[in-house]
Amino acid sequence: MAFSPFKFLQEVRSETAKVTWPTRRETTITTIMVFVMVALASIFFFASDMIIRYLVTFLLGVR
């Protein structure tokens, strides 16, 4: 079975034509949602870190 770069490129082009590309609006909304979720996750992990830090320092009596 020989490798044919020309056939490979034809197959890539035909598969790319089948892709349903998102609209500009869908891309914008998705990007905004990613930024919102990153902000929420960072707030959650910051709060979790502070709570764990407080509990560890309280339990170990470090200050």
PDB file of N, CA and C in Angstrom:
ATOM      1  N   MET A   1       0.852  -1.179   0.000  1.00  0.00           N
ATOM      2  CA  MET A   1       0.000   0.000   0.000  1.00  0.00           C
ATOM      3  C   MET A   1       0.892   1.235   0.000  1.00  0.00           C
ATOM      4  N   ALA A   2       0.856   1.980  -1.076  1.00  0.00           N
ATOM      5  CA  ALA A   2       1.717   3.148  -1.232  1.00  0.00           C
ATOM      6  C   ALA A   2       1.013   4.400  -0.718  1.00  0.00           C
ATOM      7  N   PHE A   3       1.806   5.314  -0.223  1.00  0.00           N
ATOM      8  CA  PHE A   3       1.298   6.587   0.272  1.00  0.00           C
ATOM      9  C   PHE A   3       1.283   7.599  -0.860  1.00  0.00           C
ATOM     10  N   SER A   4       0.117   8.198  -1.100  1.00  0.00           N
ATOM     11  CA  SER A   4       0.007   9.193  -2.154  1.00  0.00           C
ATOM     12  C   SER A   4      -0.364  10.538  -1.531  1.00  0.00           C
ATOM     13  N   PRO A   5       0.565  11.479  -1.548  1.00  0.00           N
ATOM     14  CA  PRO A   5       0.268  12.805  -0.972  1.00  0.00           C
ATOM     15  C   PRO A   5      -0.916  13.489  -1.667  1.00  0.00           C
ATOM     16  N   PHE A   6      -1.044  13.297  -2.967  1.00  0.00           N
ATOM     17  CA  PHE A   6      -2.135  13.926  -3.708  1.00  0.00           C
ATOM     18  C   PHE A   6      -3.482  13.376  -3.239  1.00  0.00           C
ATOM     19  N   LYS A   7      -3.576  12.056  -3.108  1.00  0.00           N
ATOM     20  CA  LYS A   7      -4.821  11.440  -2.635  1.00  0.00           C
ATOM     21  C   LYS A   7      -5.126  11.873  -1.204  1.00  0.00           C
ATOM     22  N   PHE A   8      -4.090  11.945  -0.379  1.00  0.00           N
ATOM     23  CA  PHE A   8      -4.278  12.385   0.997  1.00  0.00           C
ATOM     24  C   PHE A   8      -4.861  13.796   1.043  1.00  0.00           C
ATOM     25  N   LEU A   9      -4.311  14.706   0.251  1.00  0.00           N
ATOM     26  CA  LEU A   9      -4.814  16.081   0.220  1.00  0.00           C
ATOM     27  C   LEU A   9      -6.248  16.142  -0.298  1.00  0.00           C
ATOM     28  N   GLN A  10      -6.590  15.307  -1.262  1.00  0.00           N
ATOM     29  CA  GLN A  10      -7.972  15.251  -1.745  1.00  0.00           C
ATOM     30  C   GLN A  10      -8.916  14.812  -0.637  1.00  0.00           C
ATOM     31  N   GLU A  11      -8.520  13.805   0.119  1.00  0.00           N
ATOM     32  CA  GLU A  11      -9.357  13.310   1.213  1.00  0.00           C
ATOM     33  C   GLU A  11      -9.498  14.355   2.326  1.00  0.00           C
ATOM     34  N   VAL A  12      -8.404  15.047   2.620  1.00  0.00           N
ATOM     35  CA  VAL A  12      -8.464  16.111   3.630  1.00  0.00           C
ATOM     36  C   VAL A  12      -9.426  17.196   3.181  1.00  0.00           C
ATOM     37  N   ARG A  13      -9.351  17.570   1.922  1.00  0.00           N
ATOM     38  CA  ARG A  13     -10.231  18.618   1.399  1.00  0.00           C
ATOM     39  C   ARG A  13     -11.698  18.185   1.446  1.00  0.00           C
ATOM     40  N   SER A  14     -11.987  16.938   1.109  1.00  0.00           N
ATOM     41  CA  SER A  14     -13.368  16.469   1.130  1.00  0.00           C
ATOM     42  C   SER A  14     -13.893  16.383   2.566  1.00  0.00           C
ATOM     43  N   GLU A  15     -13.046  15.982   3.510  1.00  0.00           N
ATOM     44  CA  GLU A  15     -13.476  15.925   4.914  1.00  0.00           C
ATOM     45  C   GLU A  15     -13.678  17.333   5.476  1.00  0.00           C
ATOM     46  N   THR A  16     -12.833  18.270   5.100  1.00  0.00           N
ATOM     47  CA  THR A  16     -12.969  19.652   5.557  1.00  0.00           C
ATOM     48  C   THR A  16     -14.270  20.265   5.056  1.00  0.00           C
ATOM     49  N   ALA A  17     -14.691  19.889   3.868  1.00  0.00           N
ATOM     50  CA  ALA A  17     -15.943  20.409   3.307  1.00  0.00           C
ATOM     51  C   ALA A  17     -17.151  19.933   4.109  1.00  0.00           C
ATOM     52  N   LYS A  18     -17.023  18.806   4.812  1.00  0.00           N
ATOM     53  CA  LYS A  18     -18.134  18.266   5.610  1.00  0.00           C
ATOM     54  C   LYS A  18     -18.285  18.961   6.961  1.00  0.00           C
ATOM     55  N   VAL A  19     -17.263  19.709   7.379  1.00  0.00           N
ATOM     56  CA  VAL A  19     -17.280  20.350   8.691  1.00  0.00           C
ATOM     57  C   VAL A  19     -18.295  21.485   8.709  1.00  0.00           C
ATOM     58  N   THR A  20     -19.069  21.528   9.795  1.00  0.00           N
ATOM     59  CA  THR A  20     -19.992  22.644   9.989  1.00  0.00           C
ATOM     60  C   THR A  20     -19.281  23.680  10.847  1.00  0.00           C
ATOM     61  N   TRP A  21     -18.905  24.793  10.252  1.00  0.00           N
ATOM     62  CA  TRP A  21     -18.158  25.816  10.954  1.00  0.00           C
ATOM     63  C   TRP A  21     -19.105  26.700  11.745  1.00  0.00           C
ATOM     64  N   PRO A  22     -18.722  27.112  12.964  1.00  0.00           N
ATOM     65  CA  PRO A  22     -19.593  27.984  13.758  1.00  0.00           C
ATOM     66  C   PRO A  22     -19.658  29.396  13.175  1.00  0.00           C
ATOM     67  N   THR A  23     -20.770  30.051  13.449  1.00  0.00           N
ATOM     68  CA  THR A  23     -20.912  31.435  12.989  1.00  0.00           C
ATOM     69  C   THR A  23     -20.093  32.347  13.897  1.00  0.00           C
ATOM     70  N   ARG A  24     -19.941  33.593  13.488  1.00  0.00           N
ATOM     71  CA  ARG A  24     -19.205  34.566  14.294  1.00  0.00           C
ATOM     72  C   ARG A  24     -19.887  34.752  15.648  1.00  0.00           C
ATOM     73  N   ARG A  25     -21.226  34.767  15.642  1.00  0.00           N
ATOM     74  CA  ARG A  25     -21.985  34.943  16.892  1.00  0.00           C
ATOM     75  C   ARG A  25     -21.756  33.767  17.835  1.00  0.00           C
ATOM     76  N   GLU A  26     -21.804  32.544  17.310  1.00  0.00           N
ATOM     77  CA  GLU A  26     -21.561  31.358  18.142  1.00  0.00           C
ATOM     78  C   GLU A  26     -20.146  31.370  18.727  1.00  0.00           C
ATOM     79  N   THR A  27     -19.186  31.775  17.925  1.00  0.00           N
ATOM     80  CA  THR A  27     -17.806  31.838  18.390  1.00  0.00           C
ATOM     81  C   THR A  27     -17.653  32.882  19.488  1.00  0.00           C
ATOM     82  N   THR A  28     -18.289  34.040  19.315  1.00  0.00           N
ATOM     83  CA  THR A  28     -18.215  35.100  20.320  1.00  0.00           C
ATOM     84  C   THR A  28     -18.847  34.652  21.632  1.00  0.00           C
ATOM     85  N   ILE A  29     -20.030  34.057  21.555  1.00  0.00           N
ATOM     86  CA  ILE A  29     -20.717  33.600  22.765  1.00  0.00           C
ATOM     87  C   ILE A  29     -19.894  32.526  23.477  1.00  0.00           C
ATOM     88  N   THR A  30     -19.348  31.597  22.723  1.00  0.00           N
ATOM     89  CA  THR A  30     -18.533  30.537  23.314  1.00  0.00           C
ATOM     90  C   THR A  30     -17.292  31.113  23.982  1.00  0.00           C
ATOM     91  N   THR A  31     -16.655  32.075  23.350  1.00  0.00           N
ATOM     92  CA  THR A  31     -15.464  32.704  23.921  1.00  0.00           C
ATOM     93  C   THR A  31     -15.798  33.420  25.225  1.00  0.00           C
ATOM     94  N   ILE A  32     -16.906  34.141  25.239  1.00  0.00           N
ATOM     95  CA  ILE A  32     -17.330  34.841  26.460  1.00  0.00           C
ATOM     96  C   ILE A  32     -17.604  33.826  27.575  1.00  0.00           C
ATOM     97  N   MET A  33     -18.272  32.731  27.230  1.00  0.00           N
ATOM     98  CA  MET A  33     -18.568  31.701  28.233  1.00  0.00           C
ATOM     99  C   MET A  33     -17.287  31.087  28.795  1.00  0.00           C
ATOM    100  N   VAL A  34     -16.280  30.893  27.959  1.00  0.00           N
ATOM    101  CA  VAL A  34     -14.998  30.364  28.434  1.00  0.00           C
ATOM    102  C   VAL A  34     -14.381  31.325  29.441  1.00  0.00           C
ATOM    103  N   PHE A  35     -14.378  32.628  29.130  1.00  0.00           N
ATOM    104  CA  PHE A  35     -13.815  33.612  30.055  1.00  0.00           C
ATOM    105  C   PHE A  35     -14.596  33.660  31.370  1.00  0.00           C
ATOM    106  N   VAL A  36     -15.927  33.555  31.297  1.00  0.00           N
ATOM    107  CA  VAL A  36     -16.750  33.551  32.514  1.00  0.00           C
ATOM    108  C   VAL A  36     -16.427  32.329  33.365  1.00  0.00           C
ATOM    109  N   MET A  37     -16.338  31.163  32.739  1.00  0.00           N
ATOM    110  CA  MET A  37     -16.054  29.939  33.489  1.00  0.00           C
ATOM    111  C   MET A  37     -14.642  29.969  34.090  1.00  0.00           C
ATOM    112  N   VAL A  38     -13.683  30.540  33.388  1.00  0.00           N
ATOM    113  CA  VAL A  38     -12.325  30.667  33.928  1.00  0.00           C
ATOM    114  C   VAL A  38     -12.335  31.589  35.147  1.00  0.00           C
ATOM    115  N   ALA A  39     -13.079  32.698  35.054  1.00  0.00           N
ATOM    116  CA  ALA A  39     -13.170  33.616  36.193  1.00  0.00           C
ATOM    117  C   ALA A  39     -13.820  32.937  37.392  1.00  0.00           C
ATOM    118  N   LEU A  40     -14.917  32.208  37.162  1.00  0.00           N
ATOM    119  CA  LEU A  40     -15.587  31.506  38.261  1.00  0.00           C
ATOM    120  C   LEU A  40     -14.682  30.437  38.875  1.00  0.00           C
ATOM    121  N   ALA A  41     -13.983  29.707  38.041  1.00  0.00           N
ATOM    122  CA  ALA A  41     -13.077  28.670  38.543  1.00  0.00           C
ATOM    123  C   ALA A  41     -11.941  29.291  39.358  1.00  0.00           C
ATOM    124  N   SER A  42     -11.409  30.415  38.894  1.00  0.00           N
ATOM    125  CA  SER A  42     -10.312  31.043  39.634  1.00  0.00           C
ATOM    126  C   SER A  42     -10.800  31.571  40.980  1.00  0.00           C
ATOM    127  N   ILE A  43     -12.011  32.123  41.025  1.00  0.00           N
ATOM    128  CA  ILE A  43     -12.571  32.576  42.305  1.00  0.00           C
ATOM    129  C   ILE A  43     -12.781  31.383  43.239  1.00  0.00           C
ATOM    130  N   PHE A  44     -13.330  30.299  42.711  1.00  0.00           N
ATOM    131  CA  PHE A  44     -13.550  29.098  43.516  1.00  0.00           C
ATOM    132  C   PHE A  44     -12.244  28.562  44.091  1.00  0.00           C
ATOM    133  N   PHE A  45     -11.222  28.417  43.264  1.00  0.00           N
ATOM    134  CA  PHE A  45      -9.958  27.859  43.743  1.00  0.00           C
ATOM    135  C   PHE A  45      -9.238  28.815  44.680  1.00  0.00           C
ATOM    136  N   PHE A  46      -9.375  30.112  44.467  1.00  0.00           N
ATOM    137  CA  PHE A  46      -8.795  31.086  45.391  1.00  0.00           C
ATOM    138  C   PHE A  46      -9.454  30.954  46.764  1.00  0.00           C
ATOM    139  N   ALA A  47     -10.793  30.890  46.788  1.00  0.00           N
ATOM    140  CA  ALA A  47     -11.516  30.747  48.059  1.00  0.00           C
ATOM    141  C   ALA A  47     -11.171  29.416  48.728  1.00  0.00           C
ATOM    142  N   SER A  48     -11.121  28.345  47.949  1.00  0.00           N
ATOM    143  CA  SER A  48     -10.764  27.034  48.511  1.00  0.00           C
ATOM    144  C   SER A  48      -9.364  27.071  49.116  1.00  0.00           C
ATOM    145  N   ASP A  49      -8.444  27.684  48.432  1.00  0.00           N
ATOM    146  CA  ASP A  49      -7.073  27.781  48.916  1.00  0.00           C
ATOM    147  C   ASP A  49      -7.016  28.559  50.223  1.00  0.00           C
ATOM    148  N   MET A  50      -7.759  29.664  50.314  1.00  0.00           N
ATOM    149  CA  MET A  50      -7.760  30.469  51.532  1.00  0.00           C
ATOM    150  C   MET A  50      -8.370  29.698  52.712  1.00  0.00           C
ATOM    151  N   ILE A  51      -9.444  28.964  52.455  1.00  0.00           N
ATOM    152  CA  ILE A  51     -10.085  28.174  53.511  1.00  0.00           C
ATOM    153  C   ILE A  51      -9.147  27.076  53.998  1.00  0.00           C
ATOM    154  N   ILE A  52      -8.525  26.358  53.073  1.00  0.00           N
ATOM    155  CA  ILE A  52      -7.587  25.292  53.453  1.00  0.00           C
ATOM    156  C   ILE A  52      -6.400  25.875  54.210  1.00  0.00           C
ATOM    157  N   ARG A  53      -5.890  27.020  53.749  1.00  0.00           N
ATOM    158  CA  ARG A  53      -4.773  27.678  54.437  1.00  0.00           C
ATOM    159  C   ARG A  53      -5.157  28.041  55.869  1.00  0.00           C
ATOM    160  N   TYR A  54      -6.356  28.592  56.028  1.00  0.00           N
ATOM    161  CA  TYR A  54      -6.821  28.959  57.356  1.00  0.00           C
ATOM    162  C   TYR A  54      -6.941  27.726  58.253  1.00  0.00           C
ATOM    163  N   LEU A  55      -7.537  26.661  57.740  1.00  0.00           N
ATOM    164  CA  LEU A  55      -7.712  25.444  58.536  1.00  0.00           C
ATOM    165  C   LEU A  55      -6.371  24.826  58.930  1.00  0.00           C
ATOM    166  N   VAL A  56      -5.428  24.776  58.007  1.00  0.00           N
ATOM    167  CA  VAL A  56      -4.117  24.191  58.300  1.00  0.00           C
ATOM    168  C   VAL A  56      -3.386  25.024  59.345  1.00  0.00           C
ATOM    169  N   THR A  57      -3.376  26.341  59.194  1.00  0.00           N
ATOM    170  CA  THR A  57      -2.686  27.196  60.179  1.00  0.00           C
ATOM    171  C   THR A  57      -3.378  27.111  61.534  1.00  0.00           C
ATOM    172  N   PHE A  58      -4.698  26.971  61.547  1.00  0.00           N
ATOM    173  CA  PHE A  58      -5.434  26.833  62.810  1.00  0.00           C
ATOM    174  C   PHE A  58      -5.106  25.502  63.487  1.00  0.00           C
ATOM    175  N   LEU A  59      -5.108  24.430  62.717  1.00  0.00           N
ATOM    176  CA  LEU A  59      -4.853  23.104  63.277  1.00  0.00           C
ATOM    177  C   LEU A  59      -3.400  22.949  63.742  1.00  0.00           C
ATOM    178  N   LEU A  60      -2.469  23.540  63.026  1.00  0.00           N
ATOM    179  CA  LEU A  60      -1.069  23.397  63.384  1.00  0.00           C
ATOM    180  C   LEU A  60      -0.607  24.454  64.386  1.00  0.00           C
ATOM    181  N   GLY A  61      -1.437  25.455  64.611  1.00  0.00           N
ATOM    182  CA  GLY A  61      -1.080  26.521  65.560  1.00  0.00           C
ATOM    183  C   GLY A  61       0.050  27.379  65.085  1.00  0.00           C
ATOM    184  N   VAL A  62       0.181  27.545  63.784  1.00  0.00           N
ATOM    185  CA  VAL A  62       1.260  28.359  63.214  1.00  0.00           C
ATOM    186  C   VAL A  62       0.790  29.807  63.107  1.00  0.00           C
ATOM    187  N   ARG A  63       1.622  30.709  63.616  1.00  0.00           N
ATOM    188  CA  ARG A  63       1.362  32.161  63.463  1.00  0.00           C
ATOM    189  C   ARG A  63       2.490  32.921  64.018  1.00  0.00           C
TER     190      ARG A  63
END
